[in-house]
PDB file of N, CA and C in Angstrom:
ATOM      1  N   UNK A   1     -15.056 -13.639 -16.597  1.00  0.00           N
ATOM      2  CA  UNK A   1     -14.379 -12.924 -15.472  1.00  0.00           C
ATOM      3  C   UNK A   1     -12.857 -13.098 -15.606  1.00  0.00           C
ATOM      4  N   UNK A   2     -12.175 -11.883 -15.384  1.00  0.00           N
ATOM      5  CA  UNK A   2     -10.693 -11.889 -15.476  1.00  0.00           C
ATOM      6  C   UNK A   2     -10.159 -12.579 -14.246  1.00  0.00           C
ATOM      7  N   UNK A   3      -8.977 -13.219 -14.496  1.00  0.00           N
ATOM      8  CA  UNK A   3      -8.220 -13.823 -13.426  1.00  0.00           C
ATOM      9  C   UNK A   3      -7.420 -12.690 -12.692  1.00  0.00           C
ATOM     10  N   UNK A   4      -7.474 -12.819 -11.362  1.00  0.00           N
ATOM     11  CA  UNK A   4      -6.824 -11.845 -10.579  1.00  0.00           C
ATOM     12  C   UNK A   4      -5.274 -12.000 -10.597  1.00  0.00           C
ATOM     13  N   UNK A   5      -4.539 -10.971 -10.746  1.00  0.00           N
ATOM     14  CA  UNK A   5      -3.120 -11.073 -10.746  1.00  0.00           C
ATOM     15  C   UNK A   5      -2.560 -11.258  -9.284  1.00  0.00           C
ATOM     16  N   UNK A   6      -1.778 -12.155  -9.114  1.00  0.00           N
ATOM     17  CA  UNK A   6      -1.200 -12.476  -7.791  1.00  0.00           C
ATOM     18  C   UNK A   6       0.009 -11.610  -7.468  1.00  0.00           C
ATOM     19  N   UNK A   7      -0.154 -10.881  -6.395  1.00  0.00           N
ATOM     20  CA  UNK A   7       0.947  -9.991  -5.997  1.00  0.00           C
ATOM     21  C   UNK A   7       1.817 -10.678  -5.048  1.00  0.00           C
ATOM     22  N   UNK A   8       3.138 -10.371  -5.185  1.00  0.00           N
ATOM     23  CA  UNK A   8       4.179 -10.964  -4.334  1.00  0.00           C
ATOM     24  C   UNK A   8       4.266 -10.126  -3.018  1.00  0.00           C
ATOM     25  N   UNK A   9       3.950  -8.887  -3.155  1.00  0.00           N
ATOM     26  CA  UNK A   9       4.026  -8.020  -2.059  1.00  0.00           C
ATOM     27  C   UNK A   9       2.770  -7.069  -2.009  1.00  0.00           C
ATOM     28  N   UNK A  10       2.207  -6.826  -0.874  1.00  0.00           N
ATOM     29  CA  UNK A  10       1.048  -5.909  -0.765  1.00  0.00           C
ATOM     30  C   UNK A  10       1.406  -4.769   0.155  1.00  0.00           C
ATOM     31  N   UNK A  11       1.121  -3.561  -0.297  1.00  0.00           N
ATOM     32  CA  UNK A  11       1.465  -2.312   0.452  1.00  0.00           C
ATOM     33  C   UNK A  11       0.190  -1.484   0.620  1.00  0.00           C
ATOM     34  N   UNK A  12      -0.346  -1.457   1.903  1.00  0.00           N
ATOM     35  CA  UNK A  12      -1.455  -0.699   2.266  1.00  0.00           C
ATOM     36  C   UNK A  12      -1.046   0.558   2.795  1.00  0.00           C
ATOM     37  N   UNK A  13      -1.181   1.717   1.950  1.00  0.00           N
ATOM     38  CA  UNK A  13      -0.847   2.983   2.398  1.00  0.00           C
ATOM     39  C   UNK A  13      -2.008   3.896   2.357  1.00  0.00           C
ATOM     40  N   UNK A  14      -3.211   3.388   2.804  1.00  0.00           N
ATOM     41  CA  UNK A  14      -4.445   4.246   2.908  1.00  0.00           C
ATOM     42  C   UNK A  14      -4.018   5.236   3.999  1.00  0.00           C
ATOM     43  N   UNK A  15      -4.566   6.404   3.770  1.00  0.00           N
ATOM     44  CA  UNK A  15      -4.281   7.530   4.862  1.00  0.00           C
ATOM     45  C   UNK A  15      -3.075   8.376   4.339  1.00  0.00           C
ATOM     46  N   UNK A  16      -2.291   7.908   3.379  1.00  0.00           N
ATOM     47  CA  UNK A  16      -1.187   8.743   2.877  1.00  0.00           C
ATOM     48  C   UNK A  16      -1.577   9.573   1.717  1.00  0.00           C
ATOM     49  N   UNK A  17      -0.946  10.696   1.444  1.00  0.00           N
ATOM     50  CA  UNK A  17      -1.237  11.506   0.288  1.00  0.00           C
ATOM     51  C   UNK A  17       0.080  11.683  -0.569  1.00  0.00           C
ATOM     52  N   UNK A  18      -0.075  12.213  -1.789  1.00  0.00           N
ATOM     53  CA  UNK A  18       1.118  12.441  -2.606  1.00  0.00           C
ATOM     54  C   UNK A  18       1.994  13.542  -1.918  1.00  0.00           C
ATOM     55  N   UNK A  19       3.282  13.423  -2.033  1.00  0.00           N
ATOM     56  CA  UNK A  19       4.044  12.414  -2.816  1.00  0.00           C
ATOM     57  C   UNK A  19       4.392  11.200  -2.009  1.00  0.00           C
ATOM     58  N   UNK A  20       3.948  11.121  -0.753  1.00  0.00           N
ATOM     59  CA  UNK A  20       4.310   9.999   0.054  1.00  0.00           C
ATOM     60  C   UNK A  20       3.788   8.672  -0.532  1.00  0.00           C
ATOM     61  N   UNK A  21       2.680   8.633  -1.184  1.00  0.00           N
ATOM     62  CA  UNK A  21       2.191   7.346  -1.913  1.00  0.00           C
ATOM     63  C   UNK A  21       3.199   6.780  -2.906  1.00  0.00           C
ATOM     64  N   UNK A  22       3.709   7.694  -3.712  1.00  0.00           N
ATOM     65  CA  UNK A  22       4.694   7.315  -4.703  1.00  0.00           C
ATOM     66  C   UNK A  22       5.974   6.974  -3.967  1.00  0.00           C
ATOM     67  N   UNK A  23       6.435   7.729  -3.025  1.00  0.00           N
ATOM     68  CA  UNK A  23       7.746   7.395  -2.377  1.00  0.00           C
ATOM     69  C   UNK A  23       7.670   6.148  -1.678  1.00  0.00           C
ATOM     70  N   UNK A  24       6.649   5.870  -0.976  1.00  0.00           N
ATOM     71  CA  UNK A  24       6.503   4.535  -0.324  1.00  0.00           C
ATOM     72  C   UNK A  24       6.405   3.430  -1.289  1.00  0.00           C
ATOM     73  N   UNK A  25       5.731   3.647  -2.353  1.00  0.00           N
ATOM     74  CA  UNK A  25       5.592   2.473  -3.356  1.00  0.00           C
ATOM     75  C   UNK A  25       6.968   2.245  -3.970  1.00  0.00           C
ATOM     76  N   UNK A  26       7.710   3.317  -4.258  1.00  0.00           N
ATOM     77  CA  UNK A  26       8.955   3.127  -4.868  1.00  0.00           C
ATOM     78  C   UNK A  26       9.954   2.396  -3.884  1.00  0.00           C
ATOM     79  N   UNK A  27       9.869   2.828  -2.598  1.00  0.00           N
ATOM     80  CA  UNK A  27      10.784   2.099  -1.671  1.00  0.00           C
ATOM     81  C   UNK A  27      10.427   0.630  -1.532  1.00  0.00           C
ATOM     82  N   UNK A  28       9.185   0.278  -1.629  1.00  0.00           N
ATOM     83  CA  UNK A  28       8.713  -1.075  -1.550  1.00  0.00           C
ATOM     84  C   UNK A  28       9.306  -1.820  -2.742  1.00  0.00           C
ATOM     85  N   UNK A  29       9.226  -1.223  -3.944  1.00  0.00           N
ATOM     86  CA  UNK A  29       9.695  -1.884  -5.154  1.00  0.00           C
ATOM     87  C   UNK A  29      11.273  -2.058  -5.044  1.00  0.00           C
ATOM     88  N   UNK A  30      11.961  -1.138  -4.452  1.00  0.00           N
ATOM     89  CA  UNK A  30      13.383  -1.261  -4.382  1.00  0.00           C
ATOM     90  C   UNK A  30      13.796  -2.478  -3.604  1.00  0.00           C
ATOM     91  N   UNK A  31      13.005  -3.056  -2.704  1.00  0.00           N
ATOM     92  CA  UNK A  31      13.234  -4.227  -1.870  1.00  0.00           C
ATOM     93  C   UNK A  31      12.843  -5.567  -2.662  1.00  0.00           C
ATOM     94  N   UNK A  32      12.267  -5.426  -3.774  1.00  0.00           N
ATOM     95  CA  UNK A  32      11.730  -6.547  -4.476  1.00  0.00           C
ATOM     96  C   UNK A  32      12.573  -6.916  -5.608  1.00  0.00           C
ATOM     97  N   UNK A  33      12.417  -8.287  -6.086  1.00  0.00           N
ATOM     98  CA  UNK A  33      13.203  -8.690  -7.269  1.00  0.00           C
ATOM     99  C   UNK A  33      12.600  -8.289  -8.609  1.00  0.00           C
ATOM    100  N   UNK A  34      13.349  -8.211  -9.692  1.00  0.00           N
ATOM    101  CA  UNK A  34      12.762  -7.847 -10.991  1.00  0.00           C
ATOM    102  C   UNK A  34      11.794  -9.047 -11.330  1.00  0.00           C
ATOM    103  N   UNK A  35      10.631  -8.557 -11.800  1.00  0.00           N
ATOM    104  CA  UNK A  35       9.628  -9.483 -12.217  1.00  0.00           C
ATOM    105  C   UNK A  35       8.566  -9.672 -11.195  1.00  0.00           C
ATOM    106  N   UNK A  36       8.809  -9.329  -9.921  1.00  0.00           N
ATOM    107  CA  UNK A  36       7.883  -9.479  -8.841  1.00  0.00           C
ATOM    108  C   UNK A  36       6.727  -8.442  -8.954  1.00  0.00           C
ATOM    109  N   UNK A  37       5.557  -8.739  -8.393  1.00  0.00           N
ATOM    110  CA  UNK A  37       4.419  -7.778  -8.524  1.00  0.00           C
ATOM    111  C   UNK A  37       4.035  -7.158  -7.157  1.00  0.00           C
ATOM    112  N   UNK A  38       3.836  -5.900  -7.193  1.00  0.00           N
ATOM    113  CA  UNK A  38       3.441  -5.196  -5.957  1.00  0.00           C
ATOM    114  C   UNK A  38       1.953  -4.687  -6.156  1.00  0.00           C
ATOM    115  N   UNK A  39       1.195  -4.910  -5.088  1.00  0.00           N
ATOM    116  CA  UNK A  39      -0.116  -4.388  -5.037  1.00  0.00           C
ATOM    117  C   UNK A  39      -0.213  -3.311  -4.038  1.00  0.00           C
ATOM    118  N   UNK A  40      -0.628  -2.060  -4.436  1.00  0.00           N
ATOM    119  CA  UNK A  40      -0.611  -0.906  -3.570  1.00  0.00           C
ATOM    120  C   UNK A  40      -2.013  -0.462  -3.387  1.00  0.00           C
ATOM    121  N   UNK A  41      -2.451  -0.439  -2.118  1.00  0.00           N
ATOM    122  CA  UNK A  41      -3.811   0.041  -1.771  1.00  0.00           C
ATOM    123  C   UNK A  41      -3.800   1.527  -1.322  1.00  0.00           C
ATOM    124  N   UNK A  42      -4.651   2.386  -2.020  1.00  0.00           N
ATOM    125  CA  UNK A  42      -4.551   3.729  -1.687  1.00  0.00           C
ATOM    126  C   UNK A  42      -6.017   4.299  -1.511  1.00  0.00           C
ATOM    127  N   UNK A  43      -6.185   5.408  -0.751  1.00  0.00           N
ATOM    128  CA  UNK A  43      -7.568   5.931  -0.645  1.00  0.00           C
ATOM    129  C   UNK A  43      -7.545   7.435  -0.960  1.00  0.00           C
ATOM    130  N   UNK A  44      -6.464   7.864  -1.698  1.00  0.00           N
ATOM    131  CA  UNK A  44      -6.356   9.349  -2.094  1.00  0.00           C
ATOM    132  C   UNK A  44      -6.406   9.332  -3.590  1.00  0.00           C
ATOM    133  N   UNK A  45      -7.522  10.016  -4.098  1.00  0.00           N
ATOM    134  CA  UNK A  45      -7.786   9.931  -5.525  1.00  0.00           C
ATOM    135  C   UNK A  45      -6.689  10.428  -6.381  1.00  0.00           C
ATOM    136  N   UNK A  46      -6.034  11.597  -6.154  1.00  0.00           N
ATOM    137  CA  UNK A  46      -4.882  12.013  -6.970  1.00  0.00           C
ATOM    138  C   UNK A  46      -3.796  10.991  -7.083  1.00  0.00           C
ATOM    139  N   UNK A  47      -3.654  10.174  -6.117  1.00  0.00           N
ATOM    140  CA  UNK A  47      -2.537   9.097  -6.133  1.00  0.00           C
ATOM    141  C   UNK A  47      -2.940   8.052  -7.144  1.00  0.00           C
ATOM    142  N   UNK A  48      -4.167   7.787  -7.413  1.00  0.00           N
ATOM    143  CA  UNK A  48      -4.624   6.845  -8.356  1.00  0.00           C
ATOM    144  C   UNK A  48      -4.226   7.157  -9.824  1.00  0.00           C
ATOM    145  N   UNK A  49      -3.969   8.502  -9.938  1.00  0.00           N
ATOM    146  CA  UNK A  49      -3.403   8.971 -11.349  1.00  0.00           C
ATOM    147  C   UNK A  49      -1.914   9.117 -11.228  1.00  0.00           C
ATOM    148  N   UNK A  50      -1.438   9.726 -10.112  1.00  0.00           N
ATOM    149  CA  UNK A  50      -0.076  10.088 -10.039  1.00  0.00           C
ATOM    150  C   UNK A  50       0.898   8.977  -9.830  1.00  0.00           C
ATOM    151  N   UNK A  51       0.502   7.964  -8.975  1.00  0.00           N
ATOM    152  CA  UNK A  51       1.451   6.852  -8.739  1.00  0.00           C
ATOM    153  C   UNK A  51       1.688   6.063 -10.104  1.00  0.00           C
ATOM    154  N   UNK A  52       0.635   5.687 -10.823  1.00  0.00           N
ATOM    155  CA  UNK A  52       0.882   4.905 -12.035  1.00  0.00           C
ATOM    156  C   UNK A  52       1.732   5.770 -13.031  1.00  0.00           C
ATOM    157  N   UNK A  53       1.494   7.037 -13.207  1.00  0.00           N
ATOM    158  CA  UNK A  53       2.283   7.843 -14.072  1.00  0.00           C
ATOM    159  C   UNK A  53       3.688   7.916 -13.685  1.00  0.00           C
ATOM    160  N   UNK A  54       3.919   8.076 -12.432  1.00  0.00           N
ATOM    161  CA  UNK A  54       5.378   8.200 -11.845  1.00  0.00           C
ATOM    162  C   UNK A  54       6.056   6.872 -11.980  1.00  0.00           C
ATOM    163  N   UNK A  55       5.382   5.684 -11.814  1.00  0.00           N
ATOM    164  CA  UNK A  55       5.946   4.452 -11.949  1.00  0.00           C
ATOM    165  C   UNK A  55       6.405   4.117 -13.279  1.00  0.00           C
ATOM    166  N   UNK A  56       5.444   4.525 -14.279  1.00  0.00           N
ATOM    167  CA  UNK A  56       5.802   4.365 -15.746  1.00  0.00           C
ATOM    168  C   UNK A  56       7.008   5.228 -16.014  1.00  0.00           C
ATOM    169  N   UNK A  57       7.043   6.450 -15.566  1.00  0.00           N
ATOM    170  CA  UNK A  57       8.173   7.271 -15.820  1.00  0.00           C
ATOM    171  C   UNK A  57       9.585   6.711 -15.263  1.00  0.00           C
ATOM    172  N   UNK A  58       9.382   5.914 -14.168  1.00  0.00           N
ATOM    173  CA  UNK A  58      10.561   5.241 -13.598  1.00  0.00           C
ATOM    174  C   UNK A  58      10.969   3.932 -14.264  1.00  0.00           C
ATOM    175  N   UNK A  59      10.145   3.535 -15.263  1.00  0.00           N
ATOM    176  CA  UNK A  59      10.460   2.291 -16.059  1.00  0.00           C
ATOM    177  C   UNK A  59       9.772   1.044 -15.517  1.00  0.00           C
ATOM    178  N   UNK A  60       8.779   1.239 -14.564  1.00  0.00           N
ATOM    179  CA  UNK A  60       8.114   0.026 -14.078  1.00  0.00           C
ATOM    180  C   UNK A  60       6.858  -0.228 -14.885  1.00  0.00           C
ATOM    181  N   UNK A  61       6.368  -1.410 -14.805  1.00  0.00           N
ATOM    182  CA  UNK A  61       5.204  -1.827 -15.606  1.00  0.00           C
ATOM    183  C   UNK A  61       3.972  -1.750 -14.777  1.00  0.00           C
ATOM    184  N   UNK A  62       3.080  -0.868 -15.079  1.00  0.00           N
ATOM    185  CA  UNK A  62       1.739  -0.739 -14.311  1.00  0.00           C
ATOM    186  C   UNK A  62       0.829  -1.634 -15.030  1.00  0.00           C
ATOM    187  N   UNK A  63       0.427  -2.739 -14.297  1.00  0.00           N
ATOM    188  CA  UNK A  63      -0.494  -3.793 -14.929  1.00  0.00           C
ATOM    189  C   UNK A  63      -1.924  -3.314 -14.805  1.00  0.00           C
ATOM    190  N   UNK A  64      -2.390  -2.798 -13.708  1.00  0.00           N
ATOM    191  CA  UNK A  64      -3.766  -2.452 -13.489  1.00  0.00           C
ATOM    192  C   UNK A  64      -3.969  -1.294 -12.521  1.00  0.00           C
ATOM    193  N   UNK A  65      -4.900  -0.589 -12.680  1.00  0.00           N
ATOM    194  CA  UNK A  65      -5.388   0.417 -11.682  1.00  0.00           C
ATOM    195  C   UNK A  65      -6.878   0.167 -11.540  1.00  0.00           C
ATOM    196  N   UNK A  66      -7.293  -0.245 -10.425  1.00  0.00           N
ATOM    197  CA  UNK A  66      -8.737  -0.607 -10.214  1.00  0.00           C
ATOM    198  C   UNK A  66      -9.316   0.145  -9.091  1.00  0.00           C
ATOM    199  N   UNK A  67     -10.578   0.692  -9.296  1.00  0.00           N
ATOM    200  CA  UNK A  67     -11.306   1.326  -8.234  1.00  0.00           C
ATOM    201  C   UNK A  67     -12.091   0.150  -7.571  1.00  0.00           C
ATOM    202  N   UNK A  68     -11.781  -0.024  -6.282  1.00  0.00           N
ATOM    203  CA  UNK A  68     -12.370  -1.124  -5.482  1.00  0.00           C
ATOM    204  C   UNK A  68     -13.626  -0.741  -4.780  1.00  0.00           C
ATOM    205  N   UNK A  69     -13.819   0.596  -4.449  1.00  0.00           N
ATOM    206  CA  UNK A  69     -14.886   1.138  -3.724  1.00  0.00           C
ATOM    207  C   UNK A  69     -14.854   2.564  -3.572  1.00  0.00           C
ATOM    208  N   UNK A  70     -15.711   3.126  -2.759  1.00  0.00           N
ATOM    209  CA  UNK A  70     -15.600   4.549  -2.431  1.00  0.00           C
ATOM    210  C   UNK A  70     -14.205   4.939  -1.848  1.00  0.00           C
ATOM    211  N   UNK A  71     -13.442   5.795  -2.607  1.00  0.00           N
ATOM    212  CA  UNK A  71     -12.219   6.202  -2.138  1.00  0.00           C
ATOM    213  C   UNK A  71     -11.279   5.020  -1.731  1.00  0.00           C
ATOM    214  N   UNK A  72     -11.191   3.981  -2.628  1.00  0.00           N
ATOM    215  CA  UNK A  72     -10.243   2.886  -2.496  1.00  0.00           C
ATOM    216  C   UNK A  72      -9.797   2.357  -3.900  1.00  0.00           C
ATOM    217  N   UNK A  73      -8.611   2.444  -4.139  1.00  0.00           N
ATOM    218  CA  UNK A  73      -7.989   1.910  -5.373  1.00  0.00           C
ATOM    219  C   UNK A  73      -6.867   0.907  -5.132  1.00  0.00           C
ATOM    220  N   UNK A  74      -6.660   0.125  -6.069  1.00  0.00           N
ATOM    221  CA  UNK A  74      -5.476  -0.770  -6.018  1.00  0.00           C
ATOM    222  C   UNK A  74      -4.594  -0.481  -7.300  1.00  0.00           C
ATOM    223  N   UNK A  75      -3.308  -0.483  -7.142  1.00  0.00           N
ATOM    224  CA  UNK A  75      -2.386  -0.311  -8.264  1.00  0.00           C
ATOM    225  C   UNK A  75      -1.549  -1.536  -8.287  1.00  0.00           C
ATOM    226  N   UNK A  76      -1.477  -2.235  -9.347  1.00  0.00           N
ATOM    227  CA  UNK A  76      -0.703  -3.401  -9.601  1.00  0.00           C
ATOM    228  C   UNK A  76       0.485  -3.096 -10.515  1.00  0.00           C
ATOM    229  N   UNK A  77       1.748  -3.352  -9.881  1.00  0.00           N
ATOM    230  CA  UNK A  77       2.884  -2.864 -10.559  1.00  0.00           C
ATOM    231  C   UNK A  77       3.919  -4.104 -10.636  1.00  0.00           C
ATOM    232  N   UNK A  78       4.471  -4.270 -11.764  1.00  0.00           N
ATOM    233  CA  UNK A  78       5.536  -5.326 -11.970  1.00  0.00           C
ATOM    234  C   UNK A  78       6.870  -4.597 -12.047  1.00  0.00           C
ATOM    235  N   UNK A  79       7.774  -5.021 -11.207  1.00  0.00           N
ATOM    236  CA  UNK A  79       9.154  -4.445 -11.205  1.00  0.00           C
ATOM    237  C   UNK A  79       9.891  -4.871 -12.386  1.00  0.00           C
ATOM    238  N   UNK A  80      10.355  -3.813 -13.145  1.00  0.00           N
ATOM    239  CA  UNK A  80      11.130  -4.035 -14.312  1.00  0.00           C
ATOM    240  C   UNK A  80      12.589  -3.765 -14.270  1.00  0.00           C
ATOM    241  N   UNK A  81      13.010  -2.872 -13.230  1.00  0.00           N
ATOM    242  CA  UNK A  81      14.321  -2.558 -13.088  1.00  0.00           C
ATOM    243  C   UNK A  81      14.670  -2.147 -11.621  1.00  0.00           C
TER     244      UNK A  81
END
């Protein structure tokens, strides 16, 4: 069994849709230090694809994207810049 990555900050944005899921995730990362980990909880399937892609495009490290249940995903991101 894999060890769970410990997040420094958790952002629960269930109920939000694109592009707000990315914008809110980006704003949360801006408040964090380089190397810290953000865990984002979403319930909008397109965001499970779009947020990780946009974060990579911004130079952030997407560690994991996990489906936790019906319409529930977590995106684990390490701040790189």
